[in-house]
């Protein structure tokens, strides 16, 4: 009985020793201190801020000749260049400075109409913008856009943990690749901070597409043409039947 207890104790002790060694071997080792450290944990594998969204309001100053409300071709070209640089797309909103229409020569009204009409012809939406200050013989055009950039920490690139990772956890800053890809692919960065409301859902149209898929393609029909006495052709259709 005593020998059996001794053998059992040795077996249990060996198993415990092997378990301890195996557990220790799975943990990363710091090459400087030799201590077992966790170099890849959920706390170190994520950042609190990955994408920054900035709101920009670039401005274009459209100039007019003194005593004239004609929007010259030169200024039109400059405005189109401004729109191209700001990457404004068809249907975007451009806000035009709304001047005081109480001037004697009614130049302000004509100038506002000239810029607004030109922008609408180019396919943009025009909204008035009230301002407290004004510039002589000119009106300002405003465009609002949003830019998404990744966190500066992501710019340092992917960094491998100091120790070995046997825990099969995400590596630190691996999420920067996802954040960078999202910042570059999103159509309107504004949706990241203020997403728009969903539009109406056409349930009838969706149901018809599902029904068409389940029914399958319809039987094909053959058309044959015959000529009558007047020389015109008449078509008759026959459906294959088996």
C-alpha atoms as a PDB file:
ATOM      1  CA  UNK A   1       0.000   0.000   0.000  1.00  0.00           C
ATOM      2  CA  UNK A   2       2.810   2.417   0.841  1.00  0.00           C
ATOM      3  CA  UNK A   3       4.578   1.685  -2.448  1.00  0.00           C
ATOM      4  CA  UNK A   4       1.368   2.396  -4.346  1.00  0.00           C
ATOM      5  CA  UNK A   5       0.951   5.742  -2.605  1.00  0.00           C
ATOM      6  CA  UNK A   6       4.538   6.715  -3.384  1.00  0.00           C
ATOM      7  CA  UNK A   7       4.172   5.805  -7.055  1.00  0.00           C
ATOM      8  CA  UNK A   8       0.874   7.722  -7.283  1.00  0.00           C
ATOM      9  CA  UNK A   9       2.434  10.796  -5.681  1.00  0.00           C
ATOM     10  CA  UNK A  10       5.329  10.706  -8.150  1.00  0.00           C
ATOM     11  CA  UNK A  11       2.934  10.478 -11.109  1.00  0.00           C
ATOM     12  CA  UNK A  12       0.796  13.377  -9.863  1.00  0.00           C
ATOM     13  CA  UNK A  13       3.894  15.479  -9.212  1.00  0.00           C
ATOM     14  CA  UNK A  14       5.262  14.774 -12.693  1.00  0.00           C
ATOM     15  CA  UNK A  15       1.972  15.738 -14.334  1.00  0.00           C
ATOM     16  CA  UNK A  16       1.834  18.990 -12.361  1.00  0.00           C
ATOM     17  CA  UNK A  17       5.434  19.792 -13.316  1.00  0.00           C
ATOM     18  CA  UNK A  18       4.763  19.131 -17.008  1.00  0.00           C
ATOM     19  CA  UNK A  19       1.608  21.303 -16.877  1.00  0.00           C
ATOM     20  CA  UNK A  20       3.558  24.156 -15.270  1.00  0.00           C
ATOM     21  CA  UNK A  21       6.350  23.939 -17.835  1.00  0.00           C
ATOM     22  CA  UNK A  22       3.866  23.765 -20.684  1.00  0.00           C
ATOM     23  CA  UNK A  23       1.957  26.788 -19.451  1.00  0.00           C
ATOM     24  CA  UNK A  24       5.136  28.776 -18.988  1.00  0.00           C
ATOM     25  CA  UNK A  25       6.386  27.870 -22.449  1.00  0.00           C
ATOM     26  CA  UNK A  26       3.222  29.286 -24.038  1.00  0.00           C
ATOM     27  CA  UNK A  27       3.789  32.727 -22.551  1.00  0.00           C
ATOM     28  CA  UNK A  28       5.911  35.342 -24.388  1.00  0.00           C
ATOM     29  CA  UNK A  29       9.381  36.002 -22.974  1.00  0.00           C
ATOM     30  CA  UNK A  30      10.891  39.465 -22.710  1.00  0.00           C
ATOM     31  CA  UNK A  31      14.372  39.162 -24.322  1.00  0.00           C
ATOM     32  CA  UNK A  32      15.818  41.839 -22.004  1.00  0.00           C
ATOM     33  CA  UNK A  33      14.565  40.662 -18.626  1.00  0.00           C
ATOM     34  CA  UNK A  34      13.777  37.037 -19.428  1.00  0.00           C
ATOM     35  CA  UNK A  35      10.431  37.393 -17.668  1.00  0.00           C
ATOM     36  CA  UNK A  36       7.171  36.075 -19.060  1.00  0.00           C
ATOM     37  CA  UNK A  37       5.087  39.035 -20.222  1.00  0.00           C
ATOM     38  CA  UNK A  38       1.882  39.492 -22.194  1.00  0.00           C
ATOM     39  CA  UNK A  39       2.880  41.411 -25.311  1.00  0.00           C
ATOM     40  CA  UNK A  40      -0.319  40.794 -27.260  1.00  0.00           C
ATOM     41  CA  UNK A  41      -3.468  41.408 -25.265  1.00  0.00           C
ATOM     42  CA  UNK A  42      -6.781  43.047 -26.111  1.00  0.00           C
ATOM     43  CA  UNK A  43      -5.554  46.120 -24.227  1.00  0.00           C
ATOM     44  CA  UNK A  44      -2.428  46.512 -26.371  1.00  0.00           C
ATOM     45  CA  UNK A  45      -3.987  45.312 -29.621  1.00  0.00           C
ATOM     46  CA  UNK A  46      -6.453  48.181 -29.954  1.00  0.00           C
ATOM     47  CA  UNK A  47      -6.332  51.952 -29.917  1.00  0.00           C
ATOM     48  CA  UNK A  48      -8.942  54.282 -28.493  1.00  0.00           C
ATOM     49  CA  UNK A  49      -8.875  56.557 -31.546  1.00  0.00           C
ATOM     50  CA  UNK A  50      -8.082  55.276 -35.033  1.00  0.00           C
ATOM     51  CA  UNK A  51      -9.868  57.553 -37.537  1.00  0.00           C
ATOM     52  CA  UNK A  52     -10.054  61.341 -37.354  1.00  0.00           C
ATOM     53  CA  UNK A  53     -12.752  63.171 -39.333  1.00  0.00           C
ATOM     54  CA  UNK A  54     -12.202  66.861 -40.056  1.00  0.00           C
ATOM     55  CA  UNK A  55     -14.748  69.343 -41.381  1.00  0.00           C
ATOM     56  CA  UNK A  56     -13.351  71.841 -43.898  1.00  0.00           C
ATOM     57  CA  UNK A  57     -15.004  74.931 -45.408  1.00  0.00           C
ATOM     58  CA  UNK A  58     -12.981  76.093 -48.436  1.00  0.00           C
ATOM     59  CA  UNK A  59     -14.024  79.463 -49.868  1.00  0.00           C
ATOM     60  CA  UNK A  60     -13.876  80.918 -53.371  1.00  0.00           C
ATOM     61  CA  UNK A  61     -14.162  84.684 -53.945  1.00  0.00           C
ATOM     62  CA  UNK A  62     -15.954  85.525 -57.214  1.00  0.00           C
ATOM     63  CA  UNK A  63     -15.036  89.019 -58.376  1.00  0.00           C
ATOM     64  CA  UNK A  64     -17.042  91.432 -60.530  1.00  0.00           C
ATOM     65  CA  UNK A  65     -16.100  94.604 -62.351  1.00  0.00           C
ATOM     66  CA  UNK A  66     -17.214  97.800 -60.659  1.00  0.00           C
ATOM     67  CA  UNK A  67     -20.749  98.714 -61.717  1.00  0.00           C
ATOM     68  CA  UNK A  68     -21.303  95.377 -63.503  1.00  0.00           C
ATOM     69  CA  UNK A  69     -23.190  92.202 -62.628  1.00  0.00           C
ATOM     70  CA  UNK A  70     -21.701  90.151 -65.468  1.00  0.00           C
ATOM     71  CA  UNK A  71     -20.016  86.949 -64.322  1.00  0.00           C
ATOM     72  CA  UNK A  72     -17.035  86.851 -66.688  1.00  0.00           C
ATOM     73  CA  UNK A  73     -15.697  83.702 -68.363  1.00  0.00           C
ATOM     74  CA  UNK A  74     -12.432  84.174 -66.493  1.00  0.00           C
ATOM     75  CA  UNK A  75     -14.192  83.999 -63.117  1.00  0.00           C
ATOM     76  CA  UNK A  76     -16.287  81.056 -64.273  1.00  0.00           C
ATOM     77  CA  UNK A  77     -13.105  79.168 -65.134  1.00  0.00           C
ATOM     78  CA  UNK A  78     -11.609  79.973 -61.744  1.00  0.00           C
ATOM     79  CA  UNK A  79     -14.764  78.775 -60.000  1.00  0.00           C
ATOM     80  CA  UNK A  80     -14.747  75.515 -61.951  1.00  0.00           C
ATOM     81  CA  UNK A  81     -11.091  75.061 -61.008  1.00  0.00           C
ATOM     82  CA  UNK A  82     -11.975  75.577 -57.360  1.00  0.00           C
ATOM     83  CA  UNK A  83     -14.747  72.981 -57.634  1.00  0.00           C
ATOM     84  CA  UNK A  84     -12.399  70.483 -59.274  1.00  0.00           C
ATOM     85  CA  UNK A  85      -9.690  70.929 -56.650  1.00  0.00           C
ATOM     86  CA  UNK A  86     -12.210  70.461 -53.827  1.00  0.00           C
ATOM     87  CA  UNK A  87     -13.555  67.348 -55.584  1.00  0.00           C
ATOM     88  CA  UNK A  88     -17.147  68.545 -55.431  1.00  0.00           C
ATOM     89  CA  UNK A  89     -19.440  66.104 -57.204  1.00  0.00           C
ATOM     90  CA  UNK A  90     -22.609  66.473 -59.237  1.00  0.00           C
ATOM     91  CA  UNK A  91     -25.511  67.354 -56.955  1.00  0.00           C
ATOM     92  CA  UNK A  92     -23.391  68.666 -54.071  1.00  0.00           C
ATOM     93  CA  UNK A  93     -24.474  71.786 -52.211  1.00  0.00           C
ATOM     94  CA  UNK A  94     -22.569  75.035 -52.736  1.00  0.00           C
ATOM     95  CA  UNK A  95     -23.495  77.995 -50.554  1.00  0.00           C
ATOM     96  CA  UNK A  96     -23.364  81.443 -52.135  1.00  0.00           C
ATOM     97  CA  UNK A  97     -23.046  84.622 -50.085  1.00  0.00           C
ATOM     98  CA  UNK A  98     -26.404  86.394 -49.971  1.00  0.00           C
ATOM     99  CA  UNK A  99     -25.756  90.142 -50.369  1.00  0.00           C
ATOM    100  CA  UNK A 100     -28.022  93.047 -49.498  1.00  0.00           C
ATOM    101  CA  UNK A 101     -30.541  93.517 -52.304  1.00  0.00           C
ATOM    102  CA  UNK A 102     -31.334  97.114 -51.348  1.00  0.00           C
ATOM    103  CA  UNK A 103     -28.610  98.694 -53.507  1.00  0.00           C
ATOM    104  CA  UNK A 104     -29.865 101.297 -55.960  1.00  0.00           C
ATOM    105  CA  UNK A 105     -28.506  99.681 -59.124  1.00  0.00           C
ATOM    106  CA  UNK A 106     -29.695  96.187 -58.129  1.00  0.00           C
ATOM    107  CA  UNK A 107     -26.212  94.866 -58.846  1.00  0.00           C
ATOM    108  CA  UNK A 108     -26.158  92.515 -55.880  1.00  0.00           C
ATOM    109  CA  UNK A 109     -29.291  90.707 -56.983  1.00  0.00           C
ATOM    110  CA  UNK A 110     -27.920  90.311 -60.501  1.00  0.00           C
ATOM    111  CA  UNK A 111     -24.544  89.070 -59.245  1.00  0.00           C
ATOM    112  CA  UNK A 112     -26.116  86.504 -56.932  1.00  0.00           C
ATOM    113  CA  UNK A 113     -28.371  85.286 -59.729  1.00  0.00           C
ATOM    114  CA  UNK A 114     -25.436  85.045 -62.151  1.00  0.00           C
ATOM    115  CA  UNK A 115     -23.376  82.837 -59.819  1.00  0.00           C
ATOM    116  CA  UNK A 116     -26.348  80.770 -58.684  1.00  0.00           C
ATOM    117  CA  UNK A 117     -27.577  80.198 -62.219  1.00  0.00           C
ATOM    118  CA  UNK A 118     -24.131  79.163 -63.403  1.00  0.00           C
ATOM    119  CA  UNK A 119     -23.721  76.642 -60.577  1.00  0.00           C
ATOM    120  CA  UNK A 120     -27.173  75.160 -61.176  1.00  0.00           C
ATOM    121  CA  UNK A 121     -26.377  74.750 -64.867  1.00  0.00           C
ATOM    122  CA  UNK A 122     -23.267  72.803 -63.846  1.00  0.00           C
ATOM    123  CA  UNK A 123     -25.429  70.438 -61.787  1.00  0.00           C
ATOM    124  CA  UNK A 124     -24.910  71.757 -58.246  1.00  0.00           C
ATOM    125  CA  UNK A 125     -27.432  72.747 -55.603  1.00  0.00           C
ATOM    126  CA  UNK A 126     -27.268  76.375 -54.468  1.00  0.00           C
ATOM    127  CA  UNK A 127     -28.111  77.603 -50.986  1.00  0.00           C
ATOM    128  CA  UNK A 128     -27.834  81.196 -49.681  1.00  0.00           C
ATOM    129  CA  UNK A 129     -25.431  81.983 -46.846  1.00  0.00           C
ATOM    130  CA  UNK A 130     -26.004  85.025 -44.654  1.00  0.00           C
ATOM    131  CA  UNK A 131     -22.876  86.894 -43.566  1.00  0.00           C
ATOM    132  CA  UNK A 132     -22.294  89.937 -41.402  1.00  0.00           C
ATOM    133  CA  UNK A 133     -19.414  91.267 -43.485  1.00  0.00           C
ATOM    134  CA  UNK A 134     -19.154  91.811 -47.213  1.00  0.00           C
ATOM    135  CA  UNK A 135     -16.401  92.391 -49.773  1.00  0.00           C
ATOM    136  CA  UNK A 136     -16.779  95.115 -52.376  1.00  0.00           C
ATOM    137  CA  UNK A 137     -17.552  93.932 -55.928  1.00  0.00           C
ATOM    138  CA  UNK A 138     -17.357  90.230 -55.018  1.00  0.00           C
ATOM    139  CA  UNK A 139     -19.364  87.338 -53.634  1.00  0.00           C
ATOM    140  CA  UNK A 140     -18.054  84.287 -51.799  1.00  0.00           C
ATOM    141  CA  UNK A 141     -18.868  80.666 -52.605  1.00  0.00           C
ATOM    142  CA  UNK A 142     -18.573  78.104 -49.787  1.00  0.00           C
ATOM    143  CA  UNK A 143     -18.187  74.345 -50.004  1.00  0.00           C
ATOM    144  CA  UNK A 144     -18.291  71.996 -47.006  1.00  0.00           C
ATOM    145  CA  UNK A 145     -16.449  68.697 -47.094  1.00  0.00           C
ATOM    146  CA  UNK A 146     -15.184  66.096 -44.650  1.00  0.00           C
ATOM    147  CA  UNK A 147     -11.786  64.389 -44.668  1.00  0.00           C
ATOM    148  CA  UNK A 148     -10.985  61.139 -42.875  1.00  0.00           C
ATOM    149  CA  UNK A 149      -7.410  60.485 -41.741  1.00  0.00           C
ATOM    150  CA  UNK A 150      -5.937  57.696 -39.650  1.00  0.00           C
ATOM    151  CA  UNK A 151      -4.461  58.170 -36.199  1.00  0.00           C
ATOM    152  CA  UNK A 152      -0.803  59.327 -36.221  1.00  0.00           C
ATOM    153  CA  UNK A 153       0.131  56.161 -34.348  1.00  0.00           C
ATOM    154  CA  UNK A 154      -0.917  54.162 -37.395  1.00  0.00           C
ATOM    155  CA  UNK A 155       1.549  56.058 -39.560  1.00  0.00           C
ATOM    156  CA  UNK A 156       4.398  54.359 -37.733  1.00  0.00           C
ATOM    157  CA  UNK A 157       3.429  51.117 -39.367  1.00  0.00           C
ATOM    158  CA  UNK A 158       2.857  47.612 -38.054  1.00  0.00           C
ATOM    159  CA  UNK A 159       5.109  46.708 -35.131  1.00  0.00           C
ATOM    160  CA  UNK A 160       5.895  43.169 -34.041  1.00  0.00           C
ATOM    161  CA  UNK A 161       5.677  42.512 -30.296  1.00  0.00           C
ATOM    162  CA  UNK A 162       8.931  42.389 -28.377  1.00  0.00           C
ATOM    163  CA  UNK A 163       8.306  38.874 -27.102  1.00  0.00           C
ATOM    164  CA  UNK A 164       6.972  35.817 -28.855  1.00  0.00           C
ATOM    165  CA  UNK A 165       3.219  35.475 -29.248  1.00  0.00           C
ATOM    166  CA  UNK A 166       1.974  31.983 -28.427  1.00  0.00           C
ATOM    167  CA  UNK A 167      -1.459  33.151 -27.306  1.00  0.00           C
ATOM    168  CA  UNK A 168      -2.846  33.497 -30.830  1.00  0.00           C
ATOM    169  CA  UNK A 169      -4.226  36.958 -30.036  1.00  0.00           C
ATOM    170  CA  UNK A 170      -4.319  39.991 -32.372  1.00  0.00           C
ATOM    171  CA  UNK A 171      -0.990  41.766 -32.635  1.00  0.00           C
ATOM    172  CA  UNK A 172      -0.695  45.385 -31.466  1.00  0.00           C
ATOM    173  CA  UNK A 173      -1.933  47.992 -33.990  1.00  0.00           C
ATOM    174  CA  UNK A 174      -3.009  45.371 -36.512  1.00  0.00           C
ATOM    175  CA  UNK A 175      -6.328  47.218 -36.639  1.00  0.00           C
ATOM    176  CA  UNK A 176      -4.601  50.179 -38.283  1.00  0.00           C
ATOM    177  CA  UNK A 177      -4.834  48.399 -41.621  1.00  0.00           C
ATOM    178  CA  UNK A 178      -8.614  48.203 -41.277  1.00  0.00           C
ATOM    179  CA  UNK A 179      -8.870  51.827 -40.173  1.00  0.00           C
ATOM    180  CA  UNK A 180      -6.674  53.040 -43.023  1.00  0.00           C
ATOM    181  CA  UNK A 181      -8.643  51.066 -45.603  1.00  0.00           C
ATOM    182  CA  UNK A 182     -11.970  52.348 -44.295  1.00  0.00           C
ATOM    183  CA  UNK A 183     -10.759  55.965 -44.276  1.00  0.00           C
ATOM    184  CA  UNK A 184      -9.737  55.677 -47.939  1.00  0.00           C
ATOM    185  CA  UNK A 185     -12.765  53.734 -49.204  1.00  0.00           C
ATOM    186  CA  UNK A 186     -15.655  55.547 -47.519  1.00  0.00           C
ATOM    187  CA  UNK A 187     -17.541  57.658 -50.067  1.00  0.00           C
ATOM    188  CA  UNK A 188     -18.475  60.433 -47.639  1.00  0.00           C
ATOM    189  CA  UNK A 189     -16.395  60.643 -44.436  1.00  0.00           C
ATOM    190  CA  UNK A 190     -19.270  62.568 -42.860  1.00  0.00           C
ATOM    191  CA  UNK A 191     -21.127  59.259 -42.531  1.00  0.00           C
ATOM    192  CA  UNK A 192     -18.531  58.163 -39.965  1.00  0.00           C
ATOM    193  CA  UNK A 193     -19.638  60.848 -37.500  1.00  0.00           C
ATOM    194  CA  UNK A 194     -23.139  61.715 -38.696  1.00  0.00           C
ATOM    195  CA  UNK A 195     -24.645  58.966 -40.861  1.00  0.00           C
ATOM    196  CA  UNK A 196     -27.671  59.854 -42.952  1.00  0.00           C
ATOM    197  CA  UNK A 197     -31.096  58.335 -42.490  1.00  0.00           C
ATOM    198  CA  UNK A 198     -32.032  55.258 -44.502  1.00  0.00           C
ATOM    199  CA  UNK A 199     -34.345  55.798 -47.439  1.00  0.00           C
ATOM    200  CA  UNK A 200     -37.632  54.091 -48.137  1.00  0.00           C
ATOM    201  CA  UNK A 201     -37.596  50.359 -48.806  1.00  0.00           C
ATOM    202  CA  UNK A 202     -39.478  49.065 -51.835  1.00  0.00           C
ATOM    203  CA  UNK A 203     -40.833  45.769 -50.503  1.00  0.00           C
ATOM    204  CA  UNK A 204     -42.982  45.043 -53.559  1.00  0.00           C
ATOM    205  CA  UNK A 205     -40.014  45.282 -55.877  1.00  0.00           C
ATOM    206  CA  UNK A 206     -37.956  42.975 -53.661  1.00  0.00           C
ATOM    207  CA  UNK A 207     -40.789  40.441 -53.500  1.00  0.00           C
ATOM    208  CA  UNK A 208     -41.137  40.398 -57.300  1.00  0.00           C
ATOM    209  CA  UNK A 209     -37.440  39.691 -57.770  1.00  0.00           C
ATOM    210  CA  UNK A 210     -37.627  36.769 -55.332  1.00  0.00           C
ATOM    211  CA  UNK A 211     -40.735  35.392 -57.056  1.00  0.00           C
ATOM    212  CA  UNK A 212     -39.055  35.647 -60.454  1.00  0.00           C
ATOM    213  CA  UNK A 213     -36.043  33.783 -59.127  1.00  0.00           C
ATOM    214  CA  UNK A 214     -38.176  30.969 -57.691  1.00  0.00           C
ATOM    215  CA  UNK A 215     -40.355  30.562 -60.792  1.00  0.00           C
ATOM    216  CA  UNK A 216     -37.365  30.453 -63.104  1.00  0.00           C
ATOM    217  CA  UNK A 217     -37.097  31.503 -66.764  1.00  0.00           C
ATOM    218  CA  UNK A 218     -40.228  31.348 -68.873  1.00  0.00           C
ATOM    219  CA  UNK A 219     -40.600  29.130 -71.944  1.00  0.00           C
ATOM    220  CA  UNK A 220     -38.960  30.641 -75.022  1.00  0.00           C
ATOM    221  CA  UNK A 221     -41.109  31.379 -78.041  1.00  0.00           C
ATOM    222  CA  UNK A 222     -40.145  31.135 -81.707  1.00  0.00           C
ATOM    223  CA  UNK A 223     -41.206  33.845 -84.122  1.00  0.00           C
ATOM    224  CA  UNK A 224     -41.738  33.240 -87.819  1.00  0.00           C
ATOM    225  CA  UNK A 225     -42.400  35.909 -90.412  1.00  0.00           C
ATOM    226  CA  UNK A 226     -44.799  35.531 -93.358  1.00  0.00           C
ATOM    227  CA  UNK A 227     -45.547  37.961 -96.161  1.00  0.00           C
ATOM    228  CA  UNK A 228     -49.076  38.825 -97.237  1.00  0.00           C
ATOM    229  CA  UNK A 229     -50.282  40.155-100.556  1.00  0.00           C
ATOM    230  CA  UNK A 230     -49.420  43.746 -99.682  1.00  0.00           C
ATOM    231  CA  UNK A 231     -45.795  42.843 -99.099  1.00  0.00           C
ATOM    232  CA  UNK A 232     -45.844  43.457 -95.363  1.00  0.00           C
ATOM    233  CA  UNK A 233     -44.637  40.837 -92.928  1.00  0.00           C
ATOM    234  CA  UNK A 234     -46.794  39.462 -90.183  1.00  0.00           C
ATOM    235  CA  UNK A 235     -45.345  37.609 -87.217  1.00  0.00           C
ATOM    236  CA  UNK A 236     -46.839  34.668 -85.424  1.00  0.00           C
ATOM    237  CA  UNK A 237     -45.478  33.102 -82.287  1.00  0.00           C
ATOM    238  CA  UNK A 238     -45.600  29.457 -81.360  1.00  0.00           C
ATOM    239  CA  UNK A 239     -44.637  28.015 -78.031  1.00  0.00           C
ATOM    240  CA  UNK A 240     -42.700  24.789 -77.868  1.00  0.00           C
ATOM    241  CA  UNK A 241     -44.621  21.998 -76.263  1.00  0.00           C
ATOM    242  CA  UNK A 242     -43.303  18.560 -75.565  1.00  0.00           C
END
